[in-house]
Amino acid sequence: GYAVAGPIFHELPSKTLAGVLNGIIIGRMNQIEWVCAIVALASSITLLILKRKAGSHTLRVIEFAAIFAATVILWIYSNPTTDRMNALRSTIGDFDHPHQTTEYIAAKSEFDTLHHTYTALVSTNMILILGGFVLSVVNTRKS
């Protein structure tokens, strides 16, 4: 939100146009996140197997669990949540000139709820990933 959406919605003259551009950027960021998640999972599993006899095995399991949880959350917000938001964006059509139809109001309400959910999931992932990095550093120093 801070790095992408804020400037886009501030600088562009239309909420609808800003939303389309923001959606494209977020889609590409999700693709990068998937590459990072796969590399992190593979690395975590490899270290868990190779260092299983080391004294930090429990921390490696926790590190793997955090990365796995972050990957599951990534799937939730980059697939069903984003897909539904895109469908609602099509239903809403114009965010700049709200319609007072029942369909528009319901779609906008659901969109706002999903947007809030998406933001909360991304924030949760940031905390999990930061925790995974901290555990990785601690594990590396113990090895």
C-alpha atoms as a PDB file:
ATOM      1  CA  GLY A   1       0.000   0.000   0.000  1.00  0.00           C
ATOM      2  CA  TYR A   2       2.576   2.543   1.102  1.00  0.00           C
ATOM      3  CA  ALA A   3       5.078   1.884  -1.677  1.00  0.00           C
ATOM      4  CA  VAL A   4       2.714   1.370  -4.593  1.00  0.00           C
ATOM      5  CA  ALA A   5      -0.939   2.209  -4.004  1.00  0.00           C
ATOM      6  CA  GLY A   6      -0.422   5.480  -2.141  1.00  0.00           C
ATOM      7  CA  PRO A   7       1.526   7.246  -4.896  1.00  0.00           C
ATOM      8  CA  ILE A   8      -0.606   5.755  -7.670  1.00  0.00           C
ATOM      9  CA  PHE A   9      -3.906   6.858  -6.138  1.00  0.00           C
ATOM     10  CA  HIS A  10      -2.437  10.243  -5.240  1.00  0.00           C
ATOM     11  CA  GLU A  11      -0.918  11.007  -8.651  1.00  0.00           C
ATOM     12  CA  LEU A  12      -3.462   9.621 -11.110  1.00  0.00           C
ATOM     13  CA  PRO A  13      -6.613  11.633 -11.784  1.00  0.00           C
ATOM     14  CA  SER A  14      -8.965   8.635 -11.621  1.00  0.00           C
ATOM     15  CA  LYS A  15      -9.563   6.030  -8.896  1.00  0.00           C
ATOM     16  CA  THR A  16     -10.651   3.581 -11.577  1.00  0.00           C
ATOM     17  CA  LEU A  17      -7.454   4.057 -13.585  1.00  0.00           C
ATOM     18  CA  ALA A  18      -5.327   3.951 -10.430  1.00  0.00           C
ATOM     19  CA  GLY A  19      -7.013   0.702  -9.396  1.00  0.00           C
ATOM     20  CA  VAL A  20      -6.314  -0.911 -12.766  1.00  0.00           C
ATOM     21  CA  LEU A  21      -2.641   0.108 -12.668  1.00  0.00           C
ATOM     22  CA  ASN A  22      -2.316  -0.928  -9.021  1.00  0.00           C
ATOM     23  CA  GLY A  23      -3.861  -4.321  -9.846  1.00  0.00           C
ATOM     24  CA  ILE A  24      -1.333  -4.916 -12.626  1.00  0.00           C
ATOM     25  CA  ILE A  25       1.594  -4.000 -10.368  1.00  0.00           C
ATOM     26  CA  ILE A  26       0.315  -6.134  -7.492  1.00  0.00           C
ATOM     27  CA  GLY A  27      -0.125  -9.082  -9.882  1.00  0.00           C
ATOM     28  CA  ARG A  28       3.506  -8.773 -10.932  1.00  0.00           C
ATOM     29  CA  MET A  29       4.625  -8.400  -7.338  1.00  0.00           C
ATOM     30  CA  ASN A  30       2.723 -11.598  -6.498  1.00  0.00           C
ATOM     31  CA  GLN A  31       4.669 -13.399  -9.226  1.00  0.00           C
ATOM     32  CA  ILE A  32       7.937 -12.231  -7.653  1.00  0.00           C
ATOM     33  CA  GLU A  33       6.643 -13.305  -4.240  1.00  0.00           C
ATOM     34  CA  TRP A  34       5.964 -16.804  -5.608  1.00  0.00           C
ATOM     35  CA  VAL A  35       9.543 -17.131  -6.870  1.00  0.00           C
ATOM     36  CA  CYS A  36      10.855 -15.967  -3.482  1.00  0.00           C
ATOM     37  CA  ALA A  37       8.515 -18.334  -1.621  1.00  0.00           C
ATOM     38  CA  ILE A  38       9.649 -21.335  -3.658  1.00  0.00           C
ATOM     39  CA  VAL A  39      13.330 -20.478  -3.136  1.00  0.00           C
ATOM     40  CA  ALA A  40      12.772 -19.878   0.594  1.00  0.00           C
ATOM     41  CA  LEU A  41      10.859 -23.150   1.012  1.00  0.00           C
ATOM     42  CA  ALA A  42      13.481 -25.128  -0.907  1.00  0.00           C
ATOM     43  CA  SER A  43      16.297 -23.540   1.094  1.00  0.00           C
ATOM     44  CA  SER A  44      14.534 -24.108   4.384  1.00  0.00           C
ATOM     45  CA  ILE A  45      13.802 -27.761   3.606  1.00  0.00           C
ATOM     46  CA  THR A  46      17.385 -28.316   2.450  1.00  0.00           C
ATOM     47  CA  LEU A  47      18.836 -26.795   5.607  1.00  0.00           C
ATOM     48  CA  LEU A  48      16.348 -28.683   7.763  1.00  0.00           C
ATOM     49  CA  ILE A  49      17.499 -31.972   6.226  1.00  0.00           C
ATOM     50  CA  LEU A  50      21.222 -31.177   6.122  1.00  0.00           C
ATOM     51  CA  LYS A  51      21.388 -29.704   9.609  1.00  0.00           C
ATOM     52  CA  ARG A  52      18.922 -32.039  11.344  1.00  0.00           C
ATOM     53  CA  LYS A  53      21.524 -33.252  13.859  1.00  0.00           C
ATOM     54  CA  ALA A  54      22.654 -29.747  14.743  1.00  0.00           C
ATOM     55  CA  GLY A  55      21.543 -28.188  18.032  1.00  0.00           C
ATOM     56  CA  SER A  56      19.249 -25.735  16.277  1.00  0.00           C
ATOM     57  CA  HIS A  57      16.876 -28.325  14.749  1.00  0.00           C
ATOM     58  CA  THR A  58      13.849 -26.961  16.620  1.00  0.00           C
ATOM     59  CA  LEU A  59      14.542 -23.442  15.337  1.00  0.00           C
ATOM     60  CA  ARG A  60      14.909 -24.807  11.795  1.00  0.00           C
ATOM     61  CA  VAL A  61      11.496 -26.499  12.111  1.00  0.00           C
ATOM     62  CA  ILE A  62       9.974 -23.226  13.332  1.00  0.00           C
ATOM     63  CA  GLU A  63      11.685 -21.350  10.481  1.00  0.00           C
ATOM     64  CA  PHE A  64      10.263 -23.838   7.959  1.00  0.00           C
ATOM     65  CA  ALA A  65       6.797 -23.563   9.541  1.00  0.00           C
ATOM     66  CA  ALA A  66       6.898 -19.757   9.282  1.00  0.00           C
ATOM     67  CA  ILE A  67       7.930 -19.898   5.613  1.00  0.00           C
ATOM     68  CA  PHE A  68       5.307 -22.559   4.877  1.00  0.00           C
ATOM     69  CA  ALA A  69       2.600 -20.489   6.608  1.00  0.00           C
ATOM     70  CA  ALA A  70       3.674 -17.402   4.643  1.00  0.00           C
ATOM     71  CA  THR A  71       3.402 -19.415   1.420  1.00  0.00           C
ATOM     72  CA  VAL A  72      -0.117 -20.587   2.303  1.00  0.00           C
ATOM     73  CA  ILE A  73      -1.118 -16.998   3.084  1.00  0.00           C
ATOM     74  CA  LEU A  74       0.452 -15.869  -0.214  1.00  0.00           C
ATOM     75  CA  TRP A  75      -1.701 -18.419  -2.015  1.00  0.00           C
ATOM     76  CA  ILE A  76      -4.832 -17.108  -0.255  1.00  0.00           C
ATOM     77  CA  TYR A  77      -4.270 -13.472  -1.146  1.00  0.00           C
ATOM     78  CA  SER A  78      -2.767 -13.973  -4.587  1.00  0.00           C
ATOM     79  CA  ASN A  79      -5.372 -16.436  -5.846  1.00  0.00           C
ATOM     80  CA  PRO A  80      -8.923 -16.584  -4.467  1.00  0.00           C
ATOM     81  CA  THR A  81      -8.852 -13.129  -2.858  1.00  0.00           C
ATOM     82  CA  THR A  82      -7.334 -11.381  -5.882  1.00  0.00           C
ATOM     83  CA  ASP A  83      -9.533 -13.313  -8.320  1.00  0.00           C
ATOM     84  CA  ARG A  84     -12.674 -12.255  -6.464  1.00  0.00           C
ATOM     85  CA  MET A  85     -11.492  -8.646  -6.206  1.00  0.00           C
ATOM     86  CA  ASN A  86     -10.877  -8.588  -9.977  1.00  0.00           C
ATOM     87  CA  ALA A  87     -14.360  -9.956 -10.626  1.00  0.00           C
ATOM     88  CA  LEU A  88     -15.839  -7.312  -8.324  1.00  0.00           C
ATOM     89  CA  ARG A  89     -13.765  -4.612 -10.032  1.00  0.00           C
ATOM     90  CA  SER A  90     -15.448  -5.598 -13.305  1.00  0.00           C
ATOM     91  CA  THR A  91     -18.888  -5.505 -11.677  1.00  0.00           C
ATOM     92  CA  ILE A  92     -18.207  -2.104 -10.098  1.00  0.00           C
ATOM     93  CA  GLY A  93     -16.706  -0.689 -13.274  1.00  0.00           C
ATOM     94  CA  ASP A  94     -16.372   2.966 -12.315  1.00  0.00           C
ATOM     95  CA  PHE A  95     -14.989   3.808  -8.873  1.00  0.00           C
ATOM     96  CA  ASP A  96     -15.016   7.536  -9.653  1.00  0.00           C
ATOM     97  CA  HIS A  97     -18.768   7.819 -10.150  1.00  0.00           C
ATOM     98  CA  PRO A  98     -20.522   5.410  -7.769  1.00  0.00           C
ATOM     99  CA  HIS A  99     -23.900   4.060  -8.803  1.00  0.00           C
ATOM    100  CA  GLN A 100     -26.677   3.702  -6.289  1.00  0.00           C
ATOM    101  CA  THR A 101     -27.816   0.309  -7.551  1.00  0.00           C
ATOM    102  CA  THR A 102     -28.100  -2.631  -5.182  1.00  0.00           C
ATOM    103  CA  GLU A 103     -25.582  -4.613  -7.243  1.00  0.00           C
ATOM    104  CA  TYR A 104     -23.007  -1.799  -7.197  1.00  0.00           C
ATOM    105  CA  ILE A 105     -23.372  -1.168  -3.461  1.00  0.00           C
ATOM    106  CA  ALA A 106     -23.073  -4.885  -2.634  1.00  0.00           C
ATOM    107  CA  ALA A 107     -20.061  -5.319  -4.935  1.00  0.00           C
ATOM    108  CA  LYS A 108     -18.304  -2.242  -3.526  1.00  0.00           C
ATOM    109  CA  SER A 109     -18.937  -3.393   0.047  1.00  0.00           C
ATOM    110  CA  GLU A 110     -17.526  -6.867  -0.671  1.00  0.00           C
ATOM    111  CA  PHE A 111     -14.576  -5.313  -2.528  1.00  0.00           C
ATOM    112  CA  ASP A 112     -13.776  -3.073   0.462  1.00  0.00           C
ATOM    113  CA  THR A 113     -13.948  -6.063   2.830  1.00  0.00           C
ATOM    114  CA  LEU A 114     -11.661  -8.137   0.589  1.00  0.00           C
ATOM    115  CA  HIS A 115      -9.269  -5.204   0.227  1.00  0.00           C
ATOM    116  CA  HIS A 116      -9.031  -5.004   4.015  1.00  0.00           C
ATOM    117  CA  THR A 117      -8.493  -8.788   4.201  1.00  0.00           C
ATOM    118  CA  TYR A 118      -5.814  -8.645   1.491  1.00  0.00           C
ATOM    119  CA  THR A 119      -3.960  -5.890   3.357  1.00  0.00           C
ATOM    120  CA  ALA A 120      -4.148  -7.804   6.653  1.00  0.00           C
ATOM    121  CA  LEU A 121      -2.829 -10.983   5.006  1.00  0.00           C
ATOM    122  CA  VAL A 122       0.074  -9.142   3.370  1.00  0.00           C
ATOM    123  CA  SER A 123       0.909  -7.509   6.723  1.00  0.00           C
ATOM    124  CA  THR A 124       0.823 -10.906   8.437  1.00  0.00           C
ATOM    125  CA  ASN A 125       3.149 -12.266   5.776  1.00  0.00           C
ATOM    126  CA  MET A 126       5.609  -9.423   6.321  1.00  0.00           C
ATOM    127  CA  ILE A 127       5.792 -10.364  10.019  1.00  0.00           C
ATOM    128  CA  LEU A 128       6.160 -14.102   9.265  1.00  0.00           C
ATOM    129  CA  ILE A 129       8.879 -13.486   6.680  1.00  0.00           C
ATOM    130  CA  LEU A 130      10.752 -11.124   8.987  1.00  0.00           C
ATOM    131  CA  GLY A 131      10.532 -13.781  11.713  1.00  0.00           C
ATOM    132  CA  GLY A 132      11.836 -16.381   9.250  1.00  0.00           C
ATOM    133  CA  PHE A 133      14.807 -14.145   8.423  1.00  0.00           C
ATOM    134  CA  VAL A 134      15.585 -13.636  12.107  1.00  0.00           C
ATOM    135  CA  LEU A 135      15.426 -17.387  12.743  1.00  0.00           C
ATOM    136  CA  SER A 136      17.632 -18.002   9.722  1.00  0.00           C
ATOM    137  CA  VAL A 137      20.261 -15.619  11.083  1.00  0.00           C
ATOM    138  CA  VAL A 138      20.081 -17.201  14.547  1.00  0.00           C
ATOM    139  CA  ASN A 139      20.328 -20.686  13.026  1.00  0.00           C
ATOM    140  CA  THR A 140      23.286 -19.689  10.864  1.00  0.00           C
ATOM    141  CA  ARG A 141      25.194 -18.328  13.849  1.00  0.00           C
ATOM    142  CA  LYS A 142      24.549 -21.517  15.839  1.00  0.00           C
ATOM    143  CA  SER A 143      25.770 -23.788  13.014  1.00  0.00           C
END
